[in-house]
PDB file of all heavy atoms in Angstrom:
ATOM      1  N   LYS A   1       8.052   3.470   4.667  1.00  0.00           N
ATOM      2  CA  LYS A   1       7.903   2.171   4.016  1.00  0.00           C
ATOM      3  C   LYS A   1       8.587   1.138   4.533  1.00  0.00           C
ATOM      4  O   LYS A   1       9.789   1.220   4.972  1.00  0.00           O
ATOM      5  CB  LYS A   1       8.206   2.386   2.542  1.00  0.00           C
ATOM      6  CG  LYS A   1       7.250   3.171   1.661  1.00  0.00           C
ATOM      7  CD  LYS A   1       7.696   3.222   0.254  1.00  0.00           C
ATOM      8  CE  LYS A   1       6.698   3.900  -0.639  1.00  0.00           C
ATOM      9  NZ  LYS A   1       7.126   4.036  -2.066  1.00  0.00           N
ATOM     10  N   GLY A   2       7.900  -0.016   4.708  1.00  0.00           N
ATOM     11  CA  GLY A   2       8.506  -1.194   5.343  1.00  0.00           C
ATOM     12  C   GLY A   2       8.501  -1.257   6.763  1.00  0.00           C
ATOM     13  O   GLY A   2       8.702  -2.302   7.452  1.00  0.00           O
ATOM     14  N   ARG A   3       8.047  -0.224   7.377  1.00  0.00           N
ATOM     15  CA  ARG A   3       7.959  -0.062   8.919  1.00  0.00           C
ATOM     16  C   ARG A   3       6.515  -0.015   9.334  1.00  0.00           C
ATOM     17  O   ARG A   3       6.266  -0.603  10.446  1.00  0.00           O
ATOM     18  CB  ARG A   3       8.820   0.936   9.386  1.00  0.00           C
ATOM     19  CG  ARG A   3      10.257   0.847   9.109  1.00  0.00           C
ATOM     20  CD  ARG A   3      11.166   1.864   9.908  1.00  0.00           C
ATOM     21  NE  ARG A   3      10.835   3.308   9.431  1.00  0.00           N
ATOM     22  CZ  ARG A   3      10.334   4.241  10.376  1.00  0.00           C
ATOM     23  NH1 ARG A   3      10.166   3.915  11.716  1.00  0.00           N
ATOM     24  NH2 ARG A   3      10.136   5.447  10.016  1.00  0.00           N
ATOM     25  N   PHE A   4       5.736   0.738   8.597  1.00  0.00           N
ATOM     26  CA  PHE A   4       4.362   0.974   9.113  1.00  0.00           C
ATOM     27  C   PHE A   4       3.322   0.251   8.173  1.00  0.00           C
ATOM     28  O   PHE A   4       3.653   0.061   6.867  1.00  0.00           O
ATOM     29  CB  PHE A   4       4.052   2.492   8.907  1.00  0.00           C
ATOM     30  CG  PHE A   4       4.723   3.348   9.759  1.00  0.00           C
ATOM     31  CD1 PHE A   4       5.768   2.891  10.751  1.00  0.00           C
ATOM     32  CD2 PHE A   4       4.398   4.746   9.998  1.00  0.00           C
ATOM     33  CE1 PHE A   4       6.345   3.708  11.603  1.00  0.00           C
ATOM     34  CE2 PHE A   4       4.901   5.551  10.929  1.00  0.00           C
ATOM     35  CZ  PHE A   4       6.073   5.050  11.724  1.00  0.00           C
ATOM     36  N   THR A   5       2.192  -0.134   8.581  1.00  0.00           N
ATOM     37  CA  THR A   5       1.192  -0.742   7.861  1.00  0.00           C
ATOM     38  C   THR A   5      -0.053  -0.184   8.170  1.00  0.00           C
ATOM     39  O   THR A   5      -0.547  -0.094   9.360  1.00  0.00           O
ATOM     40  CB  THR A   5       1.187  -2.240   8.198  1.00  0.00           C
ATOM     41  OG1 THR A   5       2.451  -2.889   7.871  1.00  0.00           O
ATOM     42  CG2 THR A   5       0.077  -2.923   7.241  1.00  0.00           C
ATOM     43  N   ILE A   6      -0.813   0.201   7.082  1.00  0.00           N
ATOM     44  CA  ILE A   6      -2.212   0.792   7.317  1.00  0.00           C
ATOM     45  C   ILE A   6      -3.135  -0.233   6.925  1.00  0.00           C
ATOM     46  O   ILE A   6      -2.993  -1.012   5.987  1.00  0.00           O
ATOM     47  CB  ILE A   6      -2.382   2.169   6.557  1.00  0.00           C
ATOM     48  CG1 ILE A   6      -3.653   2.814   6.913  1.00  0.00           C
ATOM     49  CG2 ILE A   6      -2.242   1.893   5.008  1.00  0.00           C
ATOM     50  CD1 ILE A   6      -3.825   4.192   6.219  1.00  0.00           C
ATOM     51  N   SER A   7      -4.248  -0.345   7.577  1.00  0.00           N
ATOM     52  CA  SER A   7      -5.361  -1.305   7.315  1.00  0.00           C
ATOM     53  C   SER A   7      -6.650  -0.683   7.719  1.00  0.00           C
ATOM     54  O   SER A   7      -6.815   0.237   8.509  1.00  0.00           O
ATOM     55  CB  SER A   7      -5.119  -2.709   8.079  1.00  0.00           C
ATOM     56  OG  SER A   7      -5.139  -2.432   9.384  1.00  0.00           O
ATOM     57  N   ARG A   8      -7.814  -1.301   7.212  1.00  0.00           N
ATOM     58  CA  ARG A   8      -8.994  -0.760   7.580  1.00  0.00           C
ATOM     59  C   ARG A   8     -10.041  -1.901   7.732  1.00  0.00           C
ATOM     60  O   ARG A   8      -9.934  -2.968   7.161  1.00  0.00           O
ATOM     61  CB  ARG A   8      -9.720   0.170   6.501  1.00  0.00           C
ATOM     62  CG  ARG A   8      -9.941  -0.440   5.130  1.00  0.00           C
ATOM     63  CD  ARG A   8     -10.203   0.595   4.217  1.00  0.00           C
ATOM     64  NE  ARG A   8     -11.415   1.295   4.490  1.00  0.00           N
ATOM     65  CZ  ARG A   8     -11.730   2.575   3.875  1.00  0.00           C
ATOM     66  NH1 ARG A   8     -10.906   3.190   3.084  1.00  0.00           N
ATOM     67  NH2 ARG A   8     -12.941   3.077   4.291  1.00  0.00           N
ATOM     68  N   ASP A   9     -11.024  -1.665   8.684  1.00  0.00           N
ATOM     69  CA  ASP A   9     -12.141  -2.633   8.878  1.00  0.00           C
ATOM     70  C   ASP A   9     -13.400  -1.904   8.727  1.00  0.00           C
ATOM     71  O   ASP A   9     -13.819  -1.104   9.550  1.00  0.00           O
ATOM     72  CB  ASP A   9     -12.019  -3.171  10.275  1.00  0.00           C
ATOM     73  CG  ASP A   9     -13.057  -4.239  10.566  1.00  0.00           C
ATOM     74  OD1 ASP A   9     -14.094  -4.330   9.842  1.00  0.00           O
ATOM     75  OD2 ASP A   9     -12.939  -4.971  11.496  1.00  0.00           O
ATOM     76  N   ASN A  10     -14.056  -2.105   7.595  1.00  0.00           N
ATOM     77  CA  ASN A  10     -15.269  -1.342   7.221  1.00  0.00           C
ATOM     78  C   ASN A  10     -16.460  -1.658   8.091  1.00  0.00           C
ATOM     79  O   ASN A  10     -17.245  -0.963   8.351  1.00  0.00           O
ATOM     80  CB  ASN A  10     -15.598  -1.502   5.853  1.00  0.00           C
ATOM     81  CG  ASN A  10     -14.610  -0.794   4.839  1.00  0.00           C
ATOM     82  OD1 ASN A  10     -13.886   0.164   5.250  1.00  0.00           O
ATOM     83  ND2 ASN A  10     -14.735  -1.224   3.501  1.00  0.00           N
ATOM     84  N   ALA A  11     -16.341  -2.899   8.743  1.00  0.00           N
ATOM     85  CA  ALA A  11     -17.440  -3.305   9.500  1.00  0.00           C
ATOM     86  C   ALA A  11     -17.406  -2.657  10.820  1.00  0.00           C
ATOM     87  O   ALA A  11     -18.514  -2.383  11.460  1.00  0.00           O
ATOM     88  CB  ALA A  11     -17.322  -4.804   9.802  1.00  0.00           C
ATOM     89  N   ASP A  12     -16.235  -2.131  11.281  1.00  0.00           N
ATOM     90  CA  ASP A  12     -16.125  -1.441  12.572  1.00  0.00           C
ATOM     91  C   ASP A  12     -15.805   0.014  12.400  1.00  0.00           C
ATOM     92  O   ASP A  12     -15.482   0.696  13.380  1.00  0.00           O
ATOM     93  CB  ASP A  12     -14.962  -2.106  13.335  1.00  0.00           C
ATOM     94  CG  ASP A  12     -15.352  -3.502  13.933  1.00  0.00           C
ATOM     95  OD1 ASP A  12     -16.611  -3.672  14.021  1.00  0.00           O
ATOM     96  OD2 ASP A  12     -14.403  -4.300  14.381  1.00  0.00           O
ATOM     97  N   ASN A  13     -15.902   0.437  11.034  1.00  0.00           N
ATOM     98  CA  ASN A  13     -15.586   1.826  10.884  1.00  0.00           C
ATOM     99  C   ASN A  13     -14.166   2.316  11.445  1.00  0.00           C
ATOM    100  O   ASN A  13     -13.934   3.413  11.961  1.00  0.00           O
ATOM    101  CB  ASN A  13     -16.579   2.787  11.367  1.00  0.00           C
ATOM    102  CG  ASN A  13     -17.814   2.784  10.648  1.00  0.00           C
ATOM    103  OD1 ASN A  13     -17.990   1.864   9.721  1.00  0.00           O
ATOM    104  ND2 ASN A  13     -18.822   3.434  11.080  1.00  0.00           N
ATOM    105  N   THR A  14     -13.125   1.463  11.258  1.00  0.00           N
ATOM    106  CA  THR A  14     -11.883   1.642  11.924  1.00  0.00           C
ATOM    107  C   THR A  14     -10.720   1.600  10.941  1.00  0.00           C
ATOM    108  O   THR A  14     -10.731   0.726   9.976  1.00  0.00           O
ATOM    109  CB  THR A  14     -11.600   0.615  12.982  1.00  0.00           C
ATOM    110  OG1 THR A  14     -12.669   0.610  14.034  1.00  0.00           O
ATOM    111  CG2 THR A  14     -10.261   0.784  13.708  1.00  0.00           C
ATOM    112  N   VAL A  15      -9.774   2.464  11.102  1.00  0.00           N
ATOM    113  CA  VAL A  15      -8.537   2.392  10.322  1.00  0.00           C
ATOM    114  C   VAL A  15      -7.427   2.308  11.359  1.00  0.00           C
ATOM    115  O   VAL A  15      -7.325   2.912  12.450  1.00  0.00           O
ATOM    116  CB  VAL A  15      -8.366   3.605   9.396  1.00  0.00           C
ATOM    117  CG1 VAL A  15      -8.480   4.939  10.208  1.00  0.00           C
ATOM    118  CG2 VAL A  15      -7.094   3.502   8.571  1.00  0.00           C
ATOM    119  N   ILE A  16      -6.487   1.483  11.023  1.00  0.00           N
ATOM    120  CA  ILE A  16      -5.338   1.116  11.960  1.00  0.00           C
ATOM    121  C   ILE A  16      -3.972   1.558  11.361  1.00  0.00           C
ATOM    122  O   ILE A  16      -3.861   1.383   9.992  1.00  0.00           O
ATOM    123  CB  ILE A  16      -5.274  -0.387  12.314  1.00  0.00           C
ATOM    124  CG1 ILE A  16      -6.612  -0.913  12.824  1.00  0.00           C
ATOM    125  CG2 ILE A  16      -4.083  -0.749  13.140  1.00  0.00           C
ATOM    126  CD1 ILE A  16      -6.892  -0.396  14.256  1.00  0.00           C
ATOM    127  N   LEU A  17      -3.177   1.940  12.047  1.00  0.00           N
ATOM    128  CA  LEU A  17      -1.719   2.211  11.681  1.00  0.00           C
ATOM    129  C   LEU A  17      -0.768   1.358  12.634  1.00  0.00           C
ATOM    130  O   LEU A  17      -0.723   1.738  13.765  1.00  0.00           O
ATOM    131  CB  LEU A  17      -1.405   3.732  11.627  1.00  0.00           C
ATOM    132  CG  LEU A  17       0.127   3.992  11.154  1.00  0.00           C
ATOM    133  CD1 LEU A  17      -0.044   3.682   9.590  1.00  0.00           C
ATOM    134  CD2 LEU A  17       0.448   5.465  11.398  1.00  0.00           C
ATOM    135  N   GLN A  18      -0.210   0.306  12.055  1.00  0.00           N
ATOM    136  CA  GLN A  18       0.741  -0.386  12.829  1.00  0.00           C
ATOM    137  C   GLN A  18       2.172   0.093  12.554  1.00  0.00           C
ATOM    138  O   GLN A  18       2.541   0.132  11.440  1.00  0.00           O
ATOM    139  CB  GLN A  18       0.683  -1.860  12.553  1.00  0.00           C
ATOM    140  CG  GLN A  18       1.563  -2.820  13.129  1.00  0.00           C
ATOM    141  CD  GLN A  18       1.377  -2.930  14.669  1.00  0.00           C
ATOM    142  OE1 GLN A  18       0.179  -3.106  15.067  1.00  0.00           O
ATOM    143  NE2 GLN A  18       2.481  -2.778  15.468  1.00  0.00           N
ATOM    144  N   MET A  19       2.758   0.483  13.685  1.00  0.00           N
ATOM    145  CA  MET A  19       4.139   1.175  13.554  1.00  0.00           C
ATOM    146  C   MET A  19       5.084   0.196  14.255  1.00  0.00           C
ATOM    147  O   MET A  19       5.049   0.131  15.418  1.00  0.00           O
ATOM    148  CB  MET A  19       4.026   2.587  14.090  1.00  0.00           C
ATOM    149  CG  MET A  19       2.908   3.446  13.482  1.00  0.00           C
ATOM    150  SD  MET A  19       2.968   5.226  14.136  1.00  0.00           S
ATOM    151  CE  MET A  19       2.749   4.947  15.861  1.00  0.00           C
ATOM    152  N   ASN A  20       6.136  -0.175  13.398  1.00  0.00           N
ATOM    153  CA  ASN A  20       7.202  -1.064  13.970  1.00  0.00           C
ATOM    154  C   ASN A  20       8.469  -0.227  13.639  1.00  0.00           C
ATOM    155  O   ASN A  20       8.636   0.698  12.885  1.00  0.00           O
ATOM    156  CB  ASN A  20       7.225  -2.371  13.238  1.00  0.00           C
ATOM    157  CG  ASN A  20       5.875  -3.199  13.566  1.00  0.00           C
ATOM    158  OD1 ASN A  20       5.296  -3.162  14.504  1.00  0.00           O
ATOM    159  ND2 ASN A  20       5.465  -3.934  12.492  1.00  0.00           N
ATOM    160  N   SER A  21       9.514  -0.818  14.455  1.00  0.00           N
ATOM    161  CA  SER A  21      10.866  -0.232  14.295  1.00  0.00           C
ATOM    162  C   SER A  21      10.900   1.317  14.321  1.00  0.00           C
ATOM    163  O   SER A  21      11.491   1.974  13.521  1.00  0.00           O
ATOM    164  CB  SER A  21      11.442  -0.712  12.889  1.00  0.00           C
ATOM    165  OG  SER A  21      11.605  -2.112  12.843  1.00  0.00           O
ATOM    166  N   LEU A  22      10.218   1.834  15.311  1.00  0.00           N
ATOM    167  CA  LEU A  22      10.100   3.162  15.425  1.00  0.00           C
ATOM    168  C   LEU A  22      11.494   3.993  15.775  1.00  0.00           C
ATOM    169  O   LEU A  22      12.321   3.402  16.373  1.00  0.00           O
ATOM    170  CB  LEU A  22       9.080   3.570  16.616  1.00  0.00           C
ATOM    171  CG  LEU A  22       7.624   3.301  16.199  1.00  0.00           C
ATOM    172  CD1 LEU A  22       6.665   3.211  17.478  1.00  0.00           C
ATOM    173  CD2 LEU A  22       7.093   4.433  15.383  1.00  0.00           C
ATOM    174  N   LYS A  23      11.410   5.039  15.223  1.00  0.00           N
ATOM    175  CA  LYS A  23      12.680   5.977  15.313  1.00  0.00           C
ATOM    176  C   LYS A  23      12.384   7.226  15.880  1.00  0.00           C
ATOM    177  O   LYS A  23      11.157   7.650  16.022  1.00  0.00           O
ATOM    178  CB  LYS A  23      13.300   6.231  13.904  1.00  0.00           C
ATOM    179  CG  LYS A  23      13.589   5.027  13.054  1.00  0.00           C
ATOM    180  CD  LYS A  23      14.002   5.409  11.679  1.00  0.00           C
ATOM    181  CE  LYS A  23      14.289   4.177  10.823  1.00  0.00           C
ATOM    182  NZ  LYS A  23      14.780   4.518   9.571  1.00  0.00           N
ATOM    183  N   SER A  24      13.315   7.940  16.458  1.00  0.00           N
ATOM    184  CA  SER A  24      13.087   9.212  17.064  1.00  0.00           C
ATOM    185  C   SER A  24      12.418  10.332  16.141  1.00  0.00           C
ATOM    186  O   SER A  24      11.557  11.014  16.591  1.00  0.00           O
ATOM    187  CB  SER A  24      14.308   9.852  17.737  1.00  0.00           C
ATOM    188  OG  SER A  24      15.242   9.994  16.644  1.00  0.00           O
ATOM    189  N   GLU A  25      12.674  10.191  14.928  1.00  0.00           N
ATOM    190  CA  GLU A  25      12.164  11.065  13.886  1.00  0.00           C
ATOM    191  C   GLU A  25      10.675  10.753  13.700  1.00  0.00           C
ATOM    192  O   GLU A  25      10.012  11.517  12.967  1.00  0.00           O
ATOM    193  CB  GLU A  25      12.873  11.188  12.605  1.00  0.00           C
ATOM    194  CG  GLU A  25      13.239   9.678  12.114  1.00  0.00           C
ATOM    195  CD  GLU A  25      14.545   9.232  12.333  1.00  0.00           C
ATOM    196  OE1 GLU A  25      14.982   9.373  13.542  1.00  0.00           O
ATOM    197  OE2 GLU A  25      15.212   8.688  11.551  1.00  0.00           O
TER     198      GLU A  25
END
């Protein structure tokens, strides 16, 4: 929470996961 963002584009049949502040875990 607070680091990743999920979004979707129904026109392109796409789901995105934007991952920031990545950690080794």
